[in-house]
Amino acid sequence: MPIVRVQSPSPQPSPARGEGARGSLASVAEAALGHEGSERIPPVNKWLAFLVALSLLGALGCGRVQQEKKTRTLEASTSAYGNALRWGYPETAWNYLTPDVRVRLAPEQVALKHIRVTAYEVVQPALLLDEEQDQAEQEVRIDYVRHDTQVVRSLTDHQRWGYDEASGGWRLQSDPPTFR
């Protein structure tokens, strides 16, 4: 009597037997082109689908990189401006003002004559305000001493910053603090 072997179906599909999802670039290309389950997609269409998917991922990644760059430059600008005020470099602080603010103010208003800043504390870190991410606000507390009175005073400075596309940097759009 001959021996008959009966094979039971495997519980899991096997790519080696041509069953189930292939998990390869070809299956991604088939899904992108709407040819899932087809036996053969021309290689040109597979590469085309791959290039389209790759360019979409690249575009999404570029937007994220630009956002990260703006955030890093915002942090660097607000920190450098704070350091300029804190350590008595008014000409450096002046360079962070937008041209509109510079026109309204005399350089002496930022000169810090007879003022010594003793503390510059960020109360609320710079937050991006809009979809284009070219506007931000920050709140700082500044302690200072007037040389003539030797009295420590404190003020809160609400800063509004704007991104300047031409220079690729952030500029202070609000007036600098008034030390009384």
C-alpha atoms as a PDB file:
ATOM      1  CA  MET A   1       0.000   0.000   0.000  1.00  0.00           C
ATOM      2  CA  PRO A   2       1.439   3.360  -0.959  1.00  0.00           C
ATOM      3  CA  ILE A   3       2.077   6.016   1.709  1.00  0.00           C
ATOM      4  CA  VAL A   4       0.087   9.190   1.227  1.00  0.00           C
ATOM      5  CA  ARG A   5       1.224  12.343   2.946  1.00  0.00           C
ATOM      6  CA  VAL A   6      -1.231  15.134   3.560  1.00  0.00           C
ATOM      7  CA  GLN A   7       0.209  18.566   4.174  1.00  0.00           C
ATOM      8  CA  SER A   8      -1.807  20.840   6.360  1.00  0.00           C
ATOM      9  CA  PRO A   9      -1.771  24.501   5.443  1.00  0.00           C
ATOM     10  CA  SER A  10       0.763  26.556   7.348  1.00  0.00           C
ATOM     11  CA  PRO A  11      -0.816  28.889   9.908  1.00  0.00           C
ATOM     12  CA  GLN A  12       1.374  31.777   8.700  1.00  0.00           C
ATOM     13  CA  PRO A  13       1.822  32.917   5.115  1.00  0.00           C
ATOM     14  CA  SER A  14       5.240  32.294   3.667  1.00  0.00           C
ATOM     15  CA  PRO A  15       6.844  34.800   1.318  1.00  0.00           C
ATOM     16  CA  ALA A  16       8.921  31.922  -0.048  1.00  0.00           C
ATOM     17  CA  ARG A  17       5.710  30.276  -1.276  1.00  0.00           C
ATOM     18  CA  GLY A  18       4.397  33.569  -2.676  1.00  0.00           C
ATOM     19  CA  GLU A  19       1.880  34.016   0.133  1.00  0.00           C
ATOM     20  CA  GLY A  20       1.072  37.102   2.198  1.00  0.00           C
ATOM     21  CA  ALA A  21       2.606  40.560   2.302  1.00  0.00           C
ATOM     22  CA  ARG A  22       6.027  40.813   0.834  1.00  0.00           C
ATOM     23  CA  GLY A  23       7.248  43.784   2.936  1.00  0.00           C
ATOM     24  CA  SER A  24       9.605  44.935   0.212  1.00  0.00           C
ATOM     25  CA  LEU A  25      10.030  48.061  -1.823  1.00  0.00           C
ATOM     26  CA  ALA A  26       7.987  46.392  -4.541  1.00  0.00           C
ATOM     27  CA  SER A  27       4.984  46.002  -2.229  1.00  0.00           C
ATOM     28  CA  VAL A  28       5.272  49.657  -1.187  1.00  0.00           C
ATOM     29  CA  ALA A  29       5.405  50.673  -4.842  1.00  0.00           C
ATOM     30  CA  GLU A  30       2.411  48.433  -5.644  1.00  0.00           C
ATOM     31  CA  ALA A  31       0.408  50.022  -2.850  1.00  0.00           C
ATOM     32  CA  ALA A  32       1.384  53.545  -3.954  1.00  0.00           C
ATOM     33  CA  LEU A  33       0.401  52.864  -7.562  1.00  0.00           C
ATOM     34  CA  GLY A  34      -2.777  50.986  -6.660  1.00  0.00           C
ATOM     35  CA  HIS A  35      -1.500  47.679  -8.049  1.00  0.00           C
ATOM     36  CA  GLU A  36      -1.606  45.621  -4.873  1.00  0.00           C
ATOM     37  CA  GLY A  37      -1.756  41.941  -5.538  1.00  0.00           C
ATOM     38  CA  SER A  38      -0.700  42.234  -9.171  1.00  0.00           C
ATOM     39  CA  GLU A  39       1.873  39.759 -10.284  1.00  0.00           C
ATOM     40  CA  ARG A  40       4.220  42.130 -12.026  1.00  0.00           C
ATOM     41  CA  ILE A  41       4.707  45.886 -12.010  1.00  0.00           C
ATOM     42  CA  PRO A  42       7.094  47.284 -14.546  1.00  0.00           C
ATOM     43  CA  PRO A  43      10.373  48.272 -12.832  1.00  0.00           C
ATOM     44  CA  VAL A  44      10.048  51.863 -14.038  1.00  0.00           C
ATOM     45  CA  ASN A  45       6.774  52.302 -12.127  1.00  0.00           C
ATOM     46  CA  LYS A  46       8.309  50.804  -8.998  1.00  0.00           C
ATOM     47  CA  TRP A  47      11.170  53.305  -9.102  1.00  0.00           C
ATOM     48  CA  LEU A  48       8.799  56.131  -9.889  1.00  0.00           C
ATOM     49  CA  ALA A  49       6.689  55.277  -6.843  1.00  0.00           C
ATOM     50  CA  PHE A  50       9.811  55.001  -4.722  1.00  0.00           C
ATOM     51  CA  LEU A  51      11.069  58.408  -5.875  1.00  0.00           C
ATOM     52  CA  VAL A  52       7.676  60.023  -5.237  1.00  0.00           C
ATOM     53  CA  ALA A  53       7.560  58.577  -1.721  1.00  0.00           C
ATOM     54  CA  LEU A  54      11.153  59.646  -1.078  1.00  0.00           C
ATOM     55  CA  SER A  55      10.516  63.216  -2.256  1.00  0.00           C
ATOM     56  CA  LEU A  56       7.424  63.487  -0.038  1.00  0.00           C
ATOM     57  CA  LEU A  57       9.431  62.358   2.962  1.00  0.00           C
ATOM     58  CA  GLY A  58      12.184  64.814   2.050  1.00  0.00           C
ATOM     59  CA  ALA A  59       9.754  67.713   1.812  1.00  0.00           C
ATOM     60  CA  LEU A  60       8.304  66.898   5.226  1.00  0.00           C
ATOM     61  CA  GLY A  61      11.791  66.623   6.669  1.00  0.00           C
ATOM     62  CA  CYS A  62      12.896  69.977   5.210  1.00  0.00           C
ATOM     63  CA  GLY A  63      10.013  71.773   6.893  1.00  0.00           C
ATOM     64  CA  ARG A  64      10.951  70.272  10.220  1.00  0.00           C
ATOM     65  CA  VAL A  65      14.616  71.218   9.749  1.00  0.00           C
ATOM     66  CA  GLN A  66      13.635  74.834   8.947  1.00  0.00           C
ATOM     67  CA  GLN A  67      11.458  74.946  12.067  1.00  0.00           C
ATOM     68  CA  GLU A  68      14.303  73.615  14.217  1.00  0.00           C
ATOM     69  CA  LYS A  69      16.711  76.152  12.714  1.00  0.00           C
ATOM     70  CA  LYS A  70      14.346  79.036  13.482  1.00  0.00           C
ATOM     71  CA  THR A  71      13.869  77.788  17.042  1.00  0.00           C
ATOM     72  CA  ARG A  72      17.635  77.504  17.605  1.00  0.00           C
ATOM     73  CA  THR A  73      18.309  80.967  16.191  1.00  0.00           C
ATOM     74  CA  LEU A  74      15.479  82.414  18.320  1.00  0.00           C
ATOM     75  CA  GLU A  75      17.018  80.943  21.462  1.00  0.00           C
ATOM     76  CA  ALA A  76      20.463  82.214  20.458  1.00  0.00           C
ATOM     77  CA  SER A  77      19.176  85.735  19.676  1.00  0.00           C
ATOM     78  CA  THR A  78      17.162  86.153  22.865  1.00  0.00           C
ATOM     79  CA  SER A  79      20.066  84.844  24.921  1.00  0.00           C
ATOM     80  CA  ALA A  80      22.623  87.109  23.217  1.00  0.00           C
ATOM     81  CA  TYR A  81      20.356  90.147  23.641  1.00  0.00           C
ATOM     82  CA  GLY A  82      19.910  89.334  27.340  1.00  0.00           C
ATOM     83  CA  ASN A  83      23.655  88.917  27.798  1.00  0.00           C
ATOM     84  CA  ALA A  84      24.296  92.238  26.056  1.00  0.00           C
ATOM     85  CA  LEU A  85      21.986  94.024  28.498  1.00  0.00           C
ATOM     86  CA  ARG A  86      23.211  92.079  31.514  1.00  0.00           C
ATOM     87  CA  TRP A  87      26.909  92.696  30.904  1.00  0.00           C
ATOM     88  CA  GLY A  88      26.632  96.285  29.692  1.00  0.00           C
ATOM     89  CA  TYR A  89      27.099  96.057  25.914  1.00  0.00           C
ATOM     90  CA  PRO A  90      24.436  98.474  24.632  1.00  0.00           C
ATOM     91  CA  GLU A  91      25.815  98.579  21.079  1.00  0.00           C
ATOM     92  CA  THR A  92      25.307  94.818  20.801  1.00  0.00           C
ATOM     93  CA  ALA A  93      21.763  95.132  22.173  1.00  0.00           C
ATOM     94  CA  TRP A  94      21.136  97.949  19.658  1.00  0.00           C
ATOM     95  CA  ASN A  95      21.983  95.550  16.800  1.00  0.00           C
ATOM     96  CA  TYR A  96      19.110  93.244  17.803  1.00  0.00           C
ATOM     97  CA  LEU A  97      16.477  95.986  17.328  1.00  0.00           C
ATOM     98  CA  THR A  98      14.481  96.135  14.107  1.00  0.00           C
ATOM     99  CA  PRO A  99      15.093  99.173  11.876  1.00  0.00           C
ATOM    100  CA  ASP A 100      11.597 100.468  12.775  1.00  0.00           C
ATOM    101  CA  VAL A 101      12.479 100.535  16.470  1.00  0.00           C
ATOM    102  CA  ARG A 102      15.892 102.093  15.791  1.00  0.00           C
ATOM    103  CA  VAL A 103      14.260 104.969  13.910  1.00  0.00           C
ATOM    104  CA  ARG A 104      11.938 105.725  16.861  1.00  0.00           C
ATOM    105  CA  LEU A 105      14.675 105.593  19.492  1.00  0.00           C
ATOM    106  CA  ALA A 106      17.848 107.483  20.087  1.00  0.00           C
ATOM    107  CA  PRO A 107      20.908 105.280  20.742  1.00  0.00           C
ATOM    108  CA  GLU A 108      21.188 106.913  24.177  1.00  0.00           C
ATOM    109  CA  GLN A 109      17.951 105.196  25.224  1.00  0.00           C
ATOM    110  CA  VAL A 110      19.738 101.867  25.016  1.00  0.00           C
ATOM    111  CA  ALA A 111      23.100 103.218  26.185  1.00  0.00           C
ATOM    112  CA  LEU A 112      22.607 102.077  29.819  1.00  0.00           C
ATOM    113  CA  LYS A 113      24.340 105.190  31.118  1.00  0.00           C
ATOM    114  CA  HIS A 114      24.109 105.400  34.887  1.00  0.00           C
ATOM    115  CA  ILE A 115      22.514 101.916  34.957  1.00  0.00           C
ATOM    116  CA  ARG A 116      23.991  98.594  35.933  1.00  0.00           C
ATOM    117  CA  VAL A 117      21.878  95.500  35.215  1.00  0.00           C
ATOM    118  CA  THR A 118      22.314  93.061  38.103  1.00  0.00           C
ATOM    119  CA  ALA A 119      20.011  90.263  36.943  1.00  0.00           C
ATOM    120  CA  TYR A 120      18.297  89.213  33.735  1.00  0.00           C
ATOM    121  CA  GLU A 121      15.884  86.320  34.298  1.00  0.00           C
ATOM    122  CA  VAL A 122      13.703  84.741  31.630  1.00  0.00           C
ATOM    123  CA  VAL A 123      10.251  84.375  33.196  1.00  0.00           C
ATOM    124  CA  GLN A 124       8.587  82.924  30.098  1.00  0.00           C
ATOM    125  CA  PRO A 125      10.866  81.511  27.395  1.00  0.00           C
ATOM    126  CA  ALA A 126      10.304  82.641  23.826  1.00  0.00           C
ATOM    127  CA  LEU A 127       7.195  81.053  22.326  1.00  0.00           C
ATOM    128  CA  LEU A 128       6.458  80.969  18.605  1.00  0.00           C
ATOM    129  CA  LEU A 129       3.091  82.627  18.002  1.00  0.00           C
ATOM    130  CA  ASP A 130       1.991  81.940  14.456  1.00  0.00           C
ATOM    131  CA  GLU A 131       1.804  79.285  11.768  1.00  0.00           C
ATOM    132  CA  GLU A 132       4.705  80.751   9.758  1.00  0.00           C
ATOM    133  CA  GLN A 133       6.774  80.741  12.953  1.00  0.00           C
ATOM    134  CA  ASP A 134       8.166  84.184  12.339  1.00  0.00           C
ATOM    135  CA  GLN A 135       6.742  85.874  15.451  1.00  0.00           C
ATOM    136  CA  ALA A 136       7.605  85.105  19.067  1.00  0.00           C
ATOM    137  CA  GLU A 137       7.106  86.561  22.532  1.00  0.00           C
ATOM    138  CA  GLN A 138       9.194  86.327  25.656  1.00  0.00           C
ATOM    139  CA  GLU A 139       8.903  87.799  29.137  1.00  0.00           C
ATOM    140  CA  VAL A 140      11.929  88.660  31.278  1.00  0.00           C
ATOM    141  CA  ARG A 141      12.528  90.225  34.671  1.00  0.00           C
ATOM    142  CA  ILE A 142      15.407  92.674  34.886  1.00  0.00           C
ATOM    143  CA  ASP A 143      16.947  93.877  38.148  1.00  0.00           C
ATOM    144  CA  TYR A 144      19.100  96.986  37.905  1.00  0.00           C
ATOM    145  CA  VAL A 145      20.804  99.665  39.982  1.00  0.00           C
ATOM    146  CA  ARG A 146      20.977 103.347  39.131  1.00  0.00           C
ATOM    147  CA  HIS A 147      24.442 104.671  39.924  1.00  0.00           C
ATOM    148  CA  ASP A 148      23.100 107.893  41.454  1.00  0.00           C
ATOM    149  CA  THR A 149      20.645 106.285  43.922  1.00  0.00           C
ATOM    150  CA  GLN A 150      22.193 102.849  44.497  1.00  0.00           C
ATOM    151  CA  VAL A 151      18.681 101.426  44.832  1.00  0.00           C
ATOM    152  CA  VAL A 152      17.926  98.027  43.293  1.00  0.00           C
ATOM    153  CA  ARG A 153      14.859  98.166  41.073  1.00  0.00           C
ATOM    154  CA  SER A 154      13.072  95.573  39.026  1.00  0.00           C
ATOM    155  CA  LEU A 155      11.022  95.654  35.848  1.00  0.00           C
ATOM    156  CA  THR A 156       9.240  93.165  33.635  1.00  0.00           C
ATOM    157  CA  ASP A 157       9.999  93.365  29.931  1.00  0.00           C
ATOM    158  CA  HIS A 158       7.489  91.866  27.473  1.00  0.00           C
ATOM    159  CA  GLN A 159       9.485  91.268  24.313  1.00  0.00           C
ATOM    160  CA  ARG A 160       8.090  90.702  20.839  1.00  0.00           C
ATOM    161  CA  TRP A 161      10.522  89.170  18.355  1.00  0.00           C
ATOM    162  CA  GLY A 162      10.232  88.827  14.576  1.00  0.00           C
ATOM    163  CA  TYR A 163      12.145  86.639  12.141  1.00  0.00           C
ATOM    164  CA  ASP A 164      14.029  88.553   9.444  1.00  0.00           C
ATOM    165  CA  GLU A 165      14.231  86.427   6.289  1.00  0.00           C
ATOM    166  CA  ALA A 166      16.918  88.631   4.728  1.00  0.00           C
ATOM    167  CA  SER A 167      19.411  88.141   7.560  1.00  0.00           C
ATOM    168  CA  GLY A 168      18.125  84.762   8.721  1.00  0.00           C
ATOM    169  CA  GLY A 169      17.959  86.041  12.298  1.00  0.00           C
ATOM    170  CA  TRP A 170      15.534  87.336  14.914  1.00  0.00           C
ATOM    171  CA  ARG A 171      15.071  91.028  15.739  1.00  0.00           C
ATOM    172  CA  LEU A 172      13.382  92.685  18.697  1.00  0.00           C
ATOM    173  CA  GLN A 173      10.226  94.440  17.459  1.00  0.00           C
ATOM    174  CA  SER A 174       9.153  95.882  20.795  1.00  0.00           C
ATOM    175  CA  ASP A 175      10.876  98.825  22.442  1.00  0.00           C
ATOM    176  CA  PRO A 176      13.738  98.008  24.801  1.00  0.00           C
ATOM    177  CA  PRO A 177      13.020  98.419  28.524  1.00  0.00           C
ATOM    178  CA  THR A 178      12.897 101.866  30.072  1.00  0.00           C
ATOM    179  CA  PHE A 179      15.072 102.092  33.163  1.00  0.00           C
ATOM    180  CA  ARG A 180      13.634 104.756  35.523  1.00  0.00           C
END
